[in-house]
Every structure is written in C-alpha cells, then in structure tokens.
Amino acid sequence: MIVKKPGMPGWYWQRITGGILAIGMIVHFWVQHFVNPGMVTFEIVSNRLAMPSWKIFDWILLICAIWHGYFGIWNIISDYNPKKITKYAWITILWIISIFGFIYGTWVIFSIKGTGG
C-alpha cells in the first residue's frame, strides 16, 4: 500500500476547514474581547462552556483544527517525497497526535460544567 496525498477532496476540505477556522476565530475574538471586555477568568469561560451551543461551537473548531493541521502537515511532508518508510512513520505519528488531540479536546470541552455564578 502506498500512502498518497488526499487529492481533490482533501484539497477542498483543507479550504473548508480553513474558512470555518477563520470565522470561528473572529467569533471567538469578538466574544472574548468585545462582548465581555476585561479580564478573562476561568469562571467566565466555564460559564460560557456550560451552554451546549458553545460546547458544539468549540467542538467544531477542534475538529476543523485537527483536520486542517493534520492534512496541512501531511501535504508539506508529501511535497518532499520521502521514502516509503518515512511516510508511514509520519502518517502514524500524525494519526496518534490527531486522535489523542481529538479525545483529550473533546473530554475537556464536554467535562466543563460551569461554576453557576
């Protein structure tokens, strides 16, 4: 089996996730700095993440960031046309990091309950 570049669907998803991340960063920045100006505290963040809509928003950003980062790094590696064993090593490392990041990020997002204040 030869590891290949993601092709046209991967190219499209790279652009789609990039657009979602750009919009998500603007929303995040706006809420953090203009809706609730001042010091950002754990209480403010945890109360916001207690709302299901923010959990879903952050979870979508997490998925897009992992996808975008994984395929971005994979495309850079593929451009150098490394040996087959090196490709397999990199793809394994990237999958491990991506899966760990997804599991840990999902756990963090959905474990925050809010402080109730």
PDB file of N, CA and C in Angstrom:
ATOM      1  N   MET A   1       0.841  -1.186   0.000  1.00  0.00           N
ATOM      2  CA  MET A   1       0.000   0.000   0.000  1.00  0.00           C
ATOM      3  C   MET A   1       0.880   1.242   0.000  1.00  0.00           C
ATOM      4  N   ILE A   2       0.581   2.153  -0.871  1.00  0.00           N
ATOM      5  CA  ILE A   2       1.324   3.409  -0.947  1.00  0.00           C
ATOM      6  C   ILE A   2       0.471   4.512  -0.340  1.00  0.00           C
ATOM      7  N   VAL A   3       1.085   5.302   0.542  1.00  0.00           N
ATOM      8  CA  VAL A   3       0.389   6.429   1.147  1.00  0.00           C
ATOM      9  C   VAL A   3       0.364   7.557   0.129  1.00  0.00           C
ATOM     10  N   LYS A   4      -0.836   8.043  -0.159  1.00  0.00           N
ATOM     11  CA  LYS A   4      -0.981   9.084  -1.170  1.00  0.00           C
ATOM     12  C   LYS A   4      -1.449  10.382  -0.545  1.00  0.00           C
ATOM     13  N   LYS A   5      -1.326  11.455  -1.305  1.00  0.00           N
ATOM     14  CA  LYS A   5      -1.891  12.728  -0.895  1.00  0.00           C
ATOM     15  C   LYS A   5      -3.412  12.612  -0.912  1.00  0.00           C
ATOM     16  N   PRO A   6      -4.107  13.451  -0.169  1.00  0.00           N
ATOM     17  CA  PRO A   6      -5.558  13.317  -0.094  1.00  0.00           C
ATOM     18  C   PRO A   6      -6.289  13.647  -1.391  1.00  0.00           C
ATOM     19  N   GLY A   7      -5.642  14.245  -2.364  1.00  0.00           N
ATOM     20  CA  GLY A   7      -6.279  14.533  -3.637  1.00  0.00           C
ATOM     21  C   GLY A   7      -7.246  15.689  -3.563  1.00  0.00           C
ATOM     22  N   MET A   8      -8.153  15.736  -4.544  1.00  0.00           N
ATOM     23  CA  MET A   8      -9.077  16.851  -4.653  1.00  0.00           C
ATOM     24  C   MET A   8     -10.022  16.986  -3.462  1.00  0.00           C
ATOM     25  N   PRO A   9     -10.634  15.887  -2.942  1.00  0.00           N
ATOM     26  CA  PRO A   9     -11.484  16.060  -1.759  1.00  0.00           C
ATOM     27  C   PRO A   9     -10.713  16.631  -0.564  1.00  0.00           C
ATOM     28  N   GLY A  10      -9.491  16.158  -0.367  1.00  0.00           N
ATOM     29  CA  GLY A  10      -8.663  16.697   0.705  1.00  0.00           C
ATOM     30  C   GLY A  10      -8.345  18.161   0.502  1.00  0.00           C
ATOM     31  N   TRP A  11      -8.123  18.549  -0.755  1.00  0.00           N
ATOM     32  CA  TRP A  11      -7.842  19.952  -1.081  1.00  0.00           C
ATOM     33  C   TRP A  11      -9.045  20.819  -0.716  1.00  0.00           C
ATOM     34  N   TYR A  12     -10.250  20.352  -1.085  1.00  0.00           N
ATOM     35  CA  TYR A  12     -11.459  21.103  -0.754  1.00  0.00           C
ATOM     36  C   TYR A  12     -11.667  21.195   0.752  1.00  0.00           C
ATOM     37  N   TRP A  13     -11.502  20.071   1.457  1.00  0.00           N
ATOM     38  CA  TRP A  13     -11.696  20.086   2.897  1.00  0.00           C
ATOM     39  C   TRP A  13     -10.666  20.968   3.599  1.00  0.00           C
ATOM     40  N   GLN A  14      -9.476  21.049   3.050  1.00  0.00           N
ATOM     41  CA  GLN A  14      -8.453  21.943   3.610  1.00  0.00           C
ATOM     42  C   GLN A  14      -8.947  23.388   3.554  1.00  0.00           C
ATOM     43  N   ARG A  15      -9.569  23.762   2.448  1.00  0.00           N
ATOM     44  CA  ARG A  15     -10.093  25.128   2.284  1.00  0.00           C
ATOM     45  C   ARG A  15     -11.332  25.346   3.146  1.00  0.00           C
ATOM     46  N   ILE A  16     -12.218  24.359   3.204  1.00  0.00           N
ATOM     47  CA  ILE A  16     -13.439  24.479   4.006  1.00  0.00           C
ATOM     48  C   ILE A  16     -13.098  24.624   5.485  1.00  0.00           C
ATOM     49  N   THR A  17     -12.213  23.758   5.983  1.00  0.00           N
ATOM     50  CA  THR A  17     -11.845  23.856   7.398  1.00  0.00           C
ATOM     51  C   THR A  17     -11.106  25.151   7.689  1.00  0.00           C
ATOM     52  N   GLY A  18     -10.310  25.624   6.743  1.00  0.00           N
ATOM     53  CA  GLY A  18      -9.634  26.913   6.918  1.00  0.00           C
ATOM     54  C   GLY A  18     -10.633  28.046   7.036  1.00  0.00           C
ATOM     55  N   GLY A  19     -11.680  28.019   6.208  1.00  0.00           N
ATOM     56  CA  GLY A  19     -12.719  29.050   6.279  1.00  0.00           C
ATOM     57  C   GLY A  19     -13.486  28.989   7.592  1.00  0.00           C
ATOM     58  N   ILE A  20     -13.824  27.774   8.025  1.00  0.00           N
ATOM     59  CA  ILE A  20     -14.529  27.616   9.305  1.00  0.00           C
ATOM     60  C   ILE A  20     -13.650  28.108  10.451  1.00  0.00           C
ATOM     61  N   LEU A  21     -12.364  27.794  10.405  1.00  0.00           N
ATOM     62  CA  LEU A  21     -11.450  28.248  11.453  1.00  0.00           C
ATOM     63  C   LEU A  21     -11.332  29.766  11.465  1.00  0.00           C
ATOM     64  N   ALA A  22     -11.275  30.387  10.288  1.00  0.00           N
ATOM     65  CA  ALA A  22     -11.175  31.851  10.220  1.00  0.00           C
ATOM     66  C   ALA A  22     -12.422  32.501  10.825  1.00  0.00           C
ATOM     67  N   ILE A  23     -13.598  32.001  10.460  1.00  0.00           N
ATOM     68  CA  ILE A  23     -14.841  32.549  11.011  1.00  0.00           C
ATOM     69  C   ILE A  23     -14.912  32.277  12.512  1.00  0.00           C
ATOM     70  N   GLY A  24     -14.546  31.065  12.914  1.00  0.00           N
ATOM     71  CA  GLY A  24     -14.553  30.716  14.334  1.00  0.00           C
ATOM     72  C   GLY A  24     -13.618  31.579  15.158  1.00  0.00           C
ATOM     73  N   MET A  25     -12.452  31.891  14.618  1.00  0.00           N
ATOM     74  CA  MET A  25     -11.511  32.759  15.348  1.00  0.00           C
ATOM     75  C   MET A  25     -12.068  34.169  15.495  1.00  0.00           C
ATOM     76  N   ILE A  26     -12.742  34.668  14.457  1.00  0.00           N
ATOM     77  CA  ILE A  26     -13.348  36.002  14.542  1.00  0.00           C
ATOM     78  C   ILE A  26     -14.436  36.017  15.617  1.00  0.00           C
ATOM     79  N   VAL A  27     -15.306  34.994  15.618  1.00  0.00           N
ATOM     80  CA  VAL A  27     -16.356  34.911  16.638  1.00  0.00           C
ATOM     81  C   VAL A  27     -15.727  34.813  18.029  1.00  0.00           C
ATOM     82  N   HIS A  28     -14.741  33.947  18.173  1.00  0.00           N
ATOM     83  CA  HIS A  28     -14.056  33.770  19.462  1.00  0.00           C
ATOM     84  C   HIS A  28     -13.442  35.089  19.933  1.00  0.00           C
ATOM     85  N   PHE A  29     -12.721  35.761  19.053  1.00  0.00           N
ATOM     86  CA  PHE A  29     -12.072  37.025  19.406  1.00  0.00           C
ATOM     87  C   PHE A  29     -13.119  38.067  19.793  1.00  0.00           C
ATOM     88  N   TRP A  30     -14.199  38.144  19.027  1.00  0.00           N
ATOM     89  CA  TRP A  30     -15.244  39.126  19.295  1.00  0.00           C
ATOM     90  C   TRP A  30     -15.875  38.891  20.679  1.00  0.00           C
ATOM     91  N   VAL A  31     -16.207  37.655  20.970  1.00  0.00           N
ATOM     92  CA  VAL A  31     -16.837  37.338  22.257  1.00  0.00           C
ATOM     93  C   VAL A  31     -15.866  37.569  23.407  1.00  0.00           C
ATOM     94  N   GLN A  32     -14.620  37.138  23.246  1.00  0.00           N
ATOM     95  CA  GLN A  32     -13.636  37.285  24.327  1.00  0.00           C
ATOM     96  C   GLN A  32     -13.298  38.743  24.630  1.00  0.00           C
ATOM     97  N   HIS A  33     -13.220  39.580  23.603  1.00  0.00           N
ATOM     98  CA  HIS A  33     -12.671  40.914  23.806  1.00  0.00           C
ATOM     99  C   HIS A  33     -13.679  42.055  23.695  1.00  0.00           C
ATOM    100  N   PHE A  34     -14.838  41.817  23.104  1.00  0.00           N
ATOM    101  CA  PHE A  34     -15.797  42.902  22.948  1.00  0.00           C
ATOM    102  C   PHE A  34     -17.119  42.648  23.668  1.00  0.00           C
ATOM    103  N   VAL A  35     -17.599  41.422  23.686  1.00  0.00           N
ATOM    104  CA  VAL A  35     -18.848  41.120  24.383  1.00  0.00           C
ATOM    105  C   VAL A  35     -18.625  41.168  25.896  1.00  0.00           C
ATOM    106  N   ASN A  36     -17.550  40.573  26.351  1.00  0.00           N
ATOM    107  CA  ASN A  36     -17.188  40.579  27.770  1.00  0.00           C
ATOM    108  C   ASN A  36     -15.796  41.176  27.938  1.00  0.00           C
ATOM    109  N   PRO A  37     -15.662  42.504  27.785  1.00  0.00           N
ATOM    110  CA  PRO A  37     -14.318  43.084  27.904  1.00  0.00           C
ATOM    111  C   PRO A  37     -13.803  42.980  29.344  1.00  0.00           C
ATOM    112  N   GLY A  38     -12.522  43.005  29.469  1.00  0.00           N
ATOM    113  CA  GLY A  38     -11.917  42.909  30.790  1.00  0.00           C
ATOM    114  C   GLY A  38     -11.126  41.628  30.925  1.00  0.00           C
ATOM    115  N   MET A  39     -10.829  41.275  32.163  1.00  0.00           N
ATOM    116  CA  MET A  39     -10.022  40.101  32.428  1.00  0.00           C
ATOM    117  C   MET A  39     -10.803  38.821  32.136  1.00  0.00           C
ATOM    118  N   VAL A  40     -10.170  37.896  31.465  1.00  0.00           N
ATOM    119  CA  VAL A  40     -10.778  36.599  31.196  1.00  0.00           C
ATOM    120  C   VAL A  40     -10.430  35.683  32.370  1.00  0.00           C
ATOM    121  N   THR A  41     -11.457  35.140  32.991  1.00  0.00           N
ATOM    122  CA  THR A  41     -11.245  34.264  34.135  1.00  0.00           C
ATOM    123  C   THR A  41     -11.794  32.868  33.815  1.00  0.00           C
ATOM    124  N   PHE A  42     -11.402  31.908  34.628  1.00  0.00           N
ATOM    125  CA  PHE A  42     -11.913  30.553  34.458  1.00  0.00           C
ATOM    126  C   PHE A  42     -13.426  30.530  34.638  1.00  0.00           C
ATOM    127  N   GLU A  43     -13.929  31.328  35.563  1.00  0.00           N
ATOM    128  CA  GLU A  43     -15.368  31.376  35.814  1.00  0.00           C
ATOM    129  C   GLU A  43     -16.140  31.835  34.579  1.00  0.00           C
ATOM    130  N   ILE A  44     -15.652  32.864  33.902  1.00  0.00           N
ATOM    131  CA  ILE A  44     -16.311  33.371  32.694  1.00  0.00           C
ATOM    132  C   ILE A  44     -16.303  32.308  31.603  1.00  0.00           C
ATOM    133  N   VAL A  45     -15.144  31.709  31.393  1.00  0.00           N
ATOM    134  CA  VAL A  45     -15.013  30.695  30.344  1.00  0.00           C
ATOM    135  C   VAL A  45     -15.848  29.467  30.671  1.00  0.00           C
ATOM    136  N   SER A  46     -15.807  28.998  31.919  1.00  0.00           N
ATOM    137  CA  SER A  46     -16.564  27.796  32.277  1.00  0.00           C
ATOM    138  C   SER A  46     -18.065  28.044  32.219  1.00  0.00           C
ATOM    139  N   ASN A  47     -18.520  29.241  32.576  1.00  0.00           N
ATOM    140  CA  ASN A  47     -19.948  29.545  32.461  1.00  0.00           C
ATOM    141  C   ASN A  47     -20.389  29.573  31.003  1.00  0.00           C
ATOM    142  N   ARG A  48     -19.547  30.084  30.130  1.00  0.00           N
ATOM    143  CA  ARG A  48     -19.881  30.085  28.704  1.00  0.00           C
ATOM    144  C   ARG A  48     -19.885  28.651  28.167  1.00  0.00           C
ATOM    145  N   LEU A  49     -18.903  27.858  28.568  1.00  0.00           N
ATOM    146  CA  LEU A  49     -18.844  26.470  28.100  1.00  0.00           C
ATOM    147  C   LEU A  49     -19.892  25.569  28.748  1.00  0.00           C
ATOM    148  N   ALA A  50     -20.606  26.076  29.738  1.00  0.00           N
ATOM    149  CA  ALA A  50     -21.712  25.312  30.309  1.00  0.00           C
ATOM    150  C   ALA A  50     -22.897  25.288  29.349  1.00  0.00           C
ATOM    151  N   MET A  51     -22.924  26.199  28.392  1.00  0.00           N
ATOM    152  CA  MET A  51     -24.005  26.252  27.404  1.00  0.00           C
ATOM    153  C   MET A  51     -23.704  25.270  26.267  1.00  0.00           C
ATOM    154  N   PRO A  52     -24.675  24.426  25.912  1.00  0.00           N
ATOM    155  CA  PRO A  52     -24.456  23.442  24.840  1.00  0.00           C
ATOM    156  C   PRO A  52     -24.033  24.069  23.506  1.00  0.00           C
ATOM    157  N   SER A  53     -24.538  25.241  23.188  1.00  0.00           N
ATOM    158  CA  SER A  53     -24.184  25.875  21.913  1.00  0.00           C
ATOM    159  C   SER A  53     -22.687  26.193  21.838  1.00  0.00           C
ATOM    160  N   TRP A  54     -22.106  26.636  22.948  1.00  0.00           N
ATOM    161  CA  TRP A  54     -20.668  26.928  22.950  1.00  0.00           C
ATOM    162  C   TRP A  54     -19.840  25.649  22.923  1.00  0.00           C
ATOM    163  N   LYS A  55     -20.348  24.610  23.571  1.00  0.00           N
ATOM    164  CA  LYS A  55     -19.641  23.328  23.516  1.00  0.00           C
ATOM    165  C   LYS A  55     -19.568  22.832  22.069  1.00  0.00           C
ATOM    166  N   ILE A  56     -20.691  22.893  21.360  1.00  0.00           N
ATOM    167  CA  ILE A  56     -20.719  22.457  19.961  1.00  0.00           C
ATOM    168  C   ILE A  56     -19.825  23.349  19.111  1.00  0.00           C
ATOM    169  N   PHE A  57     -19.883  24.658  19.331  1.00  0.00           N
ATOM    170  CA  PHE A  57     -19.030  25.604  18.596  1.00  0.00           C
ATOM    171  C   PHE A  57     -17.561  25.245  18.780  1.00  0.00           C
ATOM    172  N   ASP A  58     -17.150  25.064  20.031  1.00  0.00           N
ATOM    173  CA  ASP A  58     -15.739  24.740  20.304  1.00  0.00           C
ATOM    174  C   ASP A  58     -15.368  23.361  19.772  1.00  0.00           C
ATOM    175  N   TRP A  59     -16.309  22.412  19.827  1.00  0.00           N
ATOM    176  CA  TRP A  59     -16.032  21.072  19.325  1.00  0.00           C
ATOM    177  C   TRP A  59     -15.849  21.089  17.811  1.00  0.00           C
ATOM    178  N   ILE A  60     -16.655  21.872  17.103  1.00  0.00           N
ATOM    179  CA  ILE A  60     -16.493  22.015  15.651  1.00  0.00           C
ATOM    180  C   ILE A  60     -15.138  22.649  15.335  1.00  0.00           C
ATOM    181  N   LEU A  61     -14.754  23.666  16.103  1.00  0.00           N
ATOM    182  CA  LEU A  61     -13.433  24.274  15.894  1.00  0.00           C
ATOM    183  C   LEU A  61     -12.312  23.268  16.148  1.00  0.00           C
ATOM    184  N   LEU A  62     -12.466  22.438  17.172  1.00  0.00           N
ATOM    185  CA  LEU A  62     -11.471  21.406  17.468  1.00  0.00           C
ATOM    186  C   LEU A  62     -11.327  20.447  16.294  1.00  0.00           C
ATOM    187  N   ILE A  63     -12.450  19.948  15.776  1.00  0.00           N
ATOM    188  CA  ILE A  63     -12.418  19.015  14.650  1.00  0.00           C
ATOM    189  C   ILE A  63     -11.764  19.667  13.432  1.00  0.00           C
ATOM    190  N   CYS A  64     -12.150  20.900  13.142  1.00  0.00           N
ATOM    191  CA  CYS A  64     -11.585  21.603  11.978  1.00  0.00           C
ATOM    192  C   CYS A  64     -10.089  21.856  12.153  1.00  0.00           C
ATOM    193  N   ALA A  65      -9.678  22.225  13.356  1.00  0.00           N
ATOM    194  CA  ALA A  65      -8.257  22.483  13.600  1.00  0.00           C
ATOM    195  C   ALA A  65      -7.427  21.217  13.438  1.00  0.00           C
ATOM    196  N   ILE A  66      -7.939  20.098  13.952  1.00  0.00           N
ATOM    197  CA  ILE A  66      -7.205  18.838  13.827  1.00  0.00           C
ATOM    198  C   ILE A  66      -7.122  18.420  12.361  1.00  0.00           C
ATOM    199  N   TRP A  67      -8.251  18.465  11.653  1.00  0.00           N
ATOM    200  CA  TRP A  67      -8.261  18.091  10.231  1.00  0.00           C
ATOM    201  C   TRP A  67      -7.327  19.001   9.437  1.00  0.00           C
ATOM    202  N   HIS A  68      -7.460  20.295   9.626  1.00  0.00           N
ATOM    203  CA  HIS A  68      -6.675  21.271   8.872  1.00  0.00           C
ATOM    204  C   HIS A  68      -5.172  21.101   9.164  1.00  0.00           C
ATOM    205  N   GLY A  69      -4.849  20.925  10.425  1.00  0.00           N
ATOM    206  CA  GLY A  69      -3.452  20.762  10.798  1.00  0.00           C
ATOM    207  C   GLY A  69      -2.867  19.453  10.296  1.00  0.00           C
ATOM    208  N   TYR A  70      -3.620  18.364  10.451  1.00  0.00           N
ATOM    209  CA  TYR A  70      -3.159  17.054  10.004  1.00  0.00           C
ATOM    210  C   TYR A  70      -2.832  17.073   8.515  1.00  0.00           C
ATOM    211  N   PHE A  71      -3.796  17.495   7.698  1.00  0.00           N
ATOM    212  CA  PHE A  71      -3.567  17.466   6.259  1.00  0.00           C
ATOM    213  C   PHE A  71      -2.601  18.542   5.790  1.00  0.00           C
ATOM    214  N   GLY A  72      -2.525  19.651   6.512  1.00  0.00           N
ATOM    215  CA  GLY A  72      -1.529  20.664   6.171  1.00  0.00           C
ATOM    216  C   GLY A  72      -0.115  20.136   6.347  1.00  0.00           C
ATOM    217  N   ILE A  73       0.133  19.498   7.493  1.00  0.00           N
ATOM    218  CA  ILE A  73       1.458  18.921   7.741  1.00  0.00           C
ATOM    219  C   ILE A  73       1.721  17.765   6.779  1.00  0.00           C
ATOM    220  N   TRP A  74       0.696  16.936   6.540  1.00  0.00           N
ATOM    221  CA  TRP A  74       0.866  15.812   5.622  1.00  0.00           C
ATOM    222  C   TRP A  74       1.218  16.302   4.220  1.00  0.00           C
ATOM    223  N   ASN A  75       0.585  17.364   3.762  1.00  0.00           N
ATOM    224  CA  ASN A  75       0.899  17.910   2.438  1.00  0.00           C
ATOM    225  C   ASN A  75       2.325  18.439   2.370  1.00  0.00           C
ATOM    226  N   ILE A  76       2.782  19.068   3.430  1.00  0.00           N
ATOM    227  CA  ILE A  76       4.166  19.557   3.463  1.00  0.00           C
ATOM    228  C   ILE A  76       5.135  18.380   3.391  1.00  0.00           C
ATOM    229  N   ILE A  77       4.871  17.348   4.192  1.00  0.00           N
ATOM    230  CA  ILE A  77       5.737  16.164   4.181  1.00  0.00           C
ATOM    231  C   ILE A  77       5.733  15.512   2.805  1.00  0.00           C
ATOM    232  N   SER A  78       4.558  15.365   2.204  1.00  0.00           N
ATOM    233  CA  SER A  78       4.430  14.718   0.888  1.00  0.00           C
ATOM    234  C   SER A  78       5.149  15.497  -0.203  1.00  0.00           C
ATOM    235  N   ASP A  79       5.201  16.816  -0.069  1.00  0.00           N
ATOM    236  CA  ASP A  79       5.893  17.631  -1.076  1.00  0.00           C
ATOM    237  C   ASP A  79       7.380  17.289  -1.173  1.00  0.00           C
ATOM    238  N   TYR A  80       7.954  16.790  -0.079  1.00  0.00           N
ATOM    239  CA  TYR A  80       9.366  16.426  -0.085  1.00  0.00           C
ATOM    240  C   TYR A  80       9.602  15.015  -0.606  1.00  0.00           C
ATOM    241  N   ASN A  81       8.529  14.284  -0.894  1.00  0.00           N
ATOM    242  CA  ASN A  81       8.591  12.938  -1.451  1.00  0.00           C
ATOM    243  C   ASN A  81       9.571  12.031  -0.688  1.00  0.00           C
ATOM    244  N   PRO A  82       9.301  11.838   0.621  1.00  0.00           N
ATOM    245  CA  PRO A  82      10.214  10.989   1.406  1.00  0.00           C
ATOM    246  C   PRO A  82      10.062   9.515   1.032  1.00  0.00           C
ATOM    247  N   LYS A  83      10.978   8.713   1.543  1.00  0.00           N
ATOM    248  CA  LYS A  83      10.917   7.268   1.314  1.00  0.00           C
ATOM    249  C   LYS A  83       9.648   6.705   1.945  1.00  0.00           C
ATOM    250  N   LYS A  84       9.261   5.515   1.465  1.00  0.00           N
ATOM    251  CA  LYS A  84       8.014   4.883   1.917  1.00  0.00           C
ATOM    252  C   LYS A  84       7.988   4.699   3.435  1.00  0.00           C
ATOM    253  N   ILE A  85       9.072   4.241   4.032  1.00  0.00           N
ATOM    254  CA  ILE A  85       9.107   4.004   5.480  1.00  0.00           C
ATOM    255  C   ILE A  85       8.948   5.312   6.252  1.00  0.00           C
ATOM    256  N   THR A  86       9.524   6.383   5.722  1.00  0.00           N
ATOM    257  CA  THR A  86       9.405   7.690   6.360  1.00  0.00           C
ATOM    258  C   THR A  86       7.963   8.190   6.289  1.00  0.00           C
ATOM    259  N   LYS A  87       7.300   7.951   5.143  1.00  0.00           N
ATOM    260  CA  LYS A  87       5.893   8.331   5.009  1.00  0.00           C
ATOM    261  C   LYS A  87       5.044   7.589   6.039  1.00  0.00           C
ATOM    262  N   TYR A  88       5.265   6.295   6.176  1.00  0.00           N
ATOM    263  CA  TYR A  88       4.498   5.509   7.136  1.00  0.00           C
ATOM    264  C   TYR A  88       4.755   5.978   8.573  1.00  0.00           C
ATOM    265  N   ALA A  89       6.000   6.304   8.866  1.00  0.00           N
ATOM    266  CA  ALA A  89       6.321   6.796  10.210  1.00  0.00           C
ATOM    267  C   ALA A  89       5.591   8.106  10.481  1.00  0.00           C
ATOM    268  N   TRP A  90       5.645   9.038   9.528  1.00  0.00           N
ATOM    269  CA  TRP A  90       4.979  10.335   9.706  1.00  0.00           C
ATOM    270  C   TRP A  90       3.470  10.199   9.803  1.00  0.00           C
ATOM    271  N   ILE A  91       2.890   9.376   8.950  1.00  0.00           N
ATOM    272  CA  ILE A  91       1.433   9.232   8.983  1.00  0.00           C
ATOM    273  C   ILE A  91       0.994   8.605  10.306  1.00  0.00           C
ATOM    274  N   THR A  92       1.785   7.677  10.841  1.00  0.00           N
ATOM    275  CA  THR A  92       1.473   7.074  12.138  1.00  0.00           C
ATOM    276  C   THR A  92       1.560   8.112  13.243  1.00  0.00           C
ATOM    277  N   ILE A  93       2.612   8.908  13.242  1.00  0.00           N
ATOM    278  CA  ILE A  93       2.787   9.960  14.251  1.00  0.00           C
ATOM    279  C   ILE A  93       1.641  10.966  14.175  1.00  0.00           C
ATOM    280  N   LEU A  94       1.306  11.383  12.959  1.00  0.00           N
ATOM    281  CA  LEU A  94       0.228  12.360  12.794  1.00  0.00           C
ATOM    282  C   LEU A  94      -1.125  11.802  13.255  1.00  0.00           C
ATOM    283  N   TRP A  95      -1.392  10.541  12.948  1.00  0.00           N
ATOM    284  CA  TRP A  95      -2.644   9.931  13.395  1.00  0.00           C
ATOM    285  C   TRP A  95      -2.698   9.834  14.914  1.00  0.00           C
ATOM    286  N   ILE A  96      -1.607   9.440  15.537  1.00  0.00           N
ATOM    287  CA  ILE A  96      -1.580   9.329  17.002  1.00  0.00           C
ATOM    288  C   ILE A  96      -1.828  10.684  17.645  1.00  0.00           C
ATOM    289  N   ILE A  97      -1.140  11.706  17.163  1.00  0.00           N
ATOM    290  CA  ILE A  97      -1.318  13.057  17.704  1.00  0.00           C
ATOM    291  C   ILE A  97      -2.743  13.544  17.476  1.00  0.00           C
ATOM    292  N   SER A  98      -3.273  13.306  16.286  1.00  0.00           N
ATOM    293  CA  SER A  98      -4.633  13.762  15.959  1.00  0.00           C
ATOM    294  C   SER A  98      -5.684  13.067  16.817  1.00  0.00           C
ATOM    295  N   ILE A  99      -5.564  11.763  16.966  1.00  0.00           N
ATOM    296  CA  ILE A  99      -6.533  11.017  17.776  1.00  0.00           C
ATOM    297  C   ILE A  99      -6.445  11.435  19.234  1.00  0.00           C
ATOM    298  N   PHE A 100      -5.230  11.550  19.755  1.00  0.00           N
ATOM    299  CA  PHE A 100      -5.061  11.999  21.141  1.00  0.00           C
ATOM    300  C   PHE A 100      -5.635  13.403  21.319  1.00  0.00           C
ATOM    301  N   GLY A 101      -5.345  14.314  20.395  1.00  0.00           N
ATOM    302  CA  GLY A 101      -5.857  15.683  20.479  1.00  0.00           C
ATOM    303  C   GLY A 101      -7.373  15.729  20.436  1.00  0.00           C
ATOM    304  N   PHE A 102      -7.965  14.896  19.582  1.00  0.00           N
ATOM    305  CA  PHE A 102      -9.423  14.854  19.483  1.00  0.00           C
ATOM    306  C   PHE A 102     -10.044  14.320  20.774  1.00  0.00           C
ATOM    307  N   ILE A 103      -9.519  13.225  21.291  1.00  0.00           N
ATOM    308  CA  ILE A 103     -10.072  12.632  22.516  1.00  0.00           C
ATOM    309  C   ILE A 103      -9.895  13.570  23.698  1.00  0.00           C
ATOM    310  N   TYR A 104      -8.695  14.090  23.867  1.00  0.00           N
ATOM    311  CA  TYR A 104      -8.433  14.986  25.000  1.00  0.00           C
ATOM    312  C   TYR A 104      -9.237  16.281  24.877  1.00  0.00           C
ATOM    313  N   GLY A 105      -9.254  16.879  23.678  1.00  0.00           N
ATOM    314  CA  GLY A 105     -10.005  18.109  23.466  1.00  0.00           C
ATOM    315  C   GLY A 105     -11.494  17.924  23.699  1.00  0.00           C
ATOM    316  N   THR A 106     -12.042  16.806  23.215  1.00  0.00           N
ATOM    317  CA  THR A 106     -13.461  16.508  23.423  1.00  0.00           C
ATOM    318  C   THR A 106     -13.751  16.338  24.911  1.00  0.00           C
ATOM    319  N   TRP A 107     -12.880  15.627  25.601  1.00  0.00           N
ATOM    320  CA  TRP A 107     -13.061  15.432  27.044  1.00  0.00           C
ATOM    321  C   TRP A 107     -13.063  16.767  27.782  1.00  0.00           C
ATOM    322  N   VAL A 108     -12.121  17.650  27.466  1.00  0.00           N
ATOM    323  CA  VAL A 108     -12.047  18.957  28.128  1.00  0.00           C
ATOM    324  C   VAL A 108     -13.299  19.778  27.849  1.00  0.00           C
ATOM    325  N   ILE A 109     -13.697  19.866  26.584  1.00  0.00           N
ATOM    326  CA  ILE A 109     -14.858  20.679  26.219  1.00  0.00           C
ATOM    327  C   ILE A 109     -16.116  20.192  26.921  1.00  0.00           C
ATOM    328  N   PHE A 110     -16.349  18.895  26.915  1.00  0.00           N
ATOM    329  CA  PHE A 110     -17.600  18.373  27.447  1.00  0.00           C
ATOM    330  C   PHE A 110     -17.558  18.071  28.944  1.00  0.00           C
ATOM    331  N   SER A 111     -16.399  18.230  29.597  1.00  0.00           N
ATOM    332  CA  SER A 111     -16.336  17.993  31.039  1.00  0.00           C
ATOM    333  C   SER A 111     -16.558  19.264  31.839  1.00  0.00           C
ATOM    334  N   ILE A 112     -16.450  20.436  31.216  1.00  0.00           N
ATOM    335  CA  ILE A 112     -16.641  21.696  31.936  1.00  0.00           C
ATOM    336  C   ILE A 112     -18.132  21.901  32.164  1.00  0.00           C
ATOM    337  N   LYS A 113     -18.506  22.098  33.408  1.00  0.00           N
ATOM    338  CA  LYS A 113     -19.916  22.206  33.787  1.00  0.00           C
ATOM    339  C   LYS A 113     -20.350  23.634  34.102  1.00  0.00           C
ATOM    340  N   GLY A 114     -19.420  24.548  34.336  1.00  0.00           N
ATOM    341  CA  GLY A 114     -19.784  25.915  34.756  1.00  0.00           C
ATOM    342  C   GLY A 114     -19.731  26.027  36.267  1.00  0.00           C
ATOM    343  N   THR A 115     -19.576  27.256  36.726  1.00  0.00           N
ATOM    344  CA  THR A 115     -19.456  27.486  38.172  1.00  0.00           C
ATOM    345  C   THR A 115     -20.778  27.903  38.795  1.00  0.00           C
ATOM    346  N   GLY A 116     -21.739  28.217  37.957  1.00  0.00           N
ATOM    347  CA  GLY A 116     -23.056  28.586  38.483  1.00  0.00           C
ATOM    348  C   GLY A 116     -23.130  29.993  39.019  1.00  0.00           C
ATOM    349  N   GLY A 117     -22.064  30.777  38.807  1.00  0.00           N
ATOM    350  CA  GLY A 117     -22.058  32.144  39.352  1.00  0.00           C
ATOM    351  C   GLY A 117     -22.304  33.081  38.306  1.00  0.00           C
TER     352      GLY A 117
END
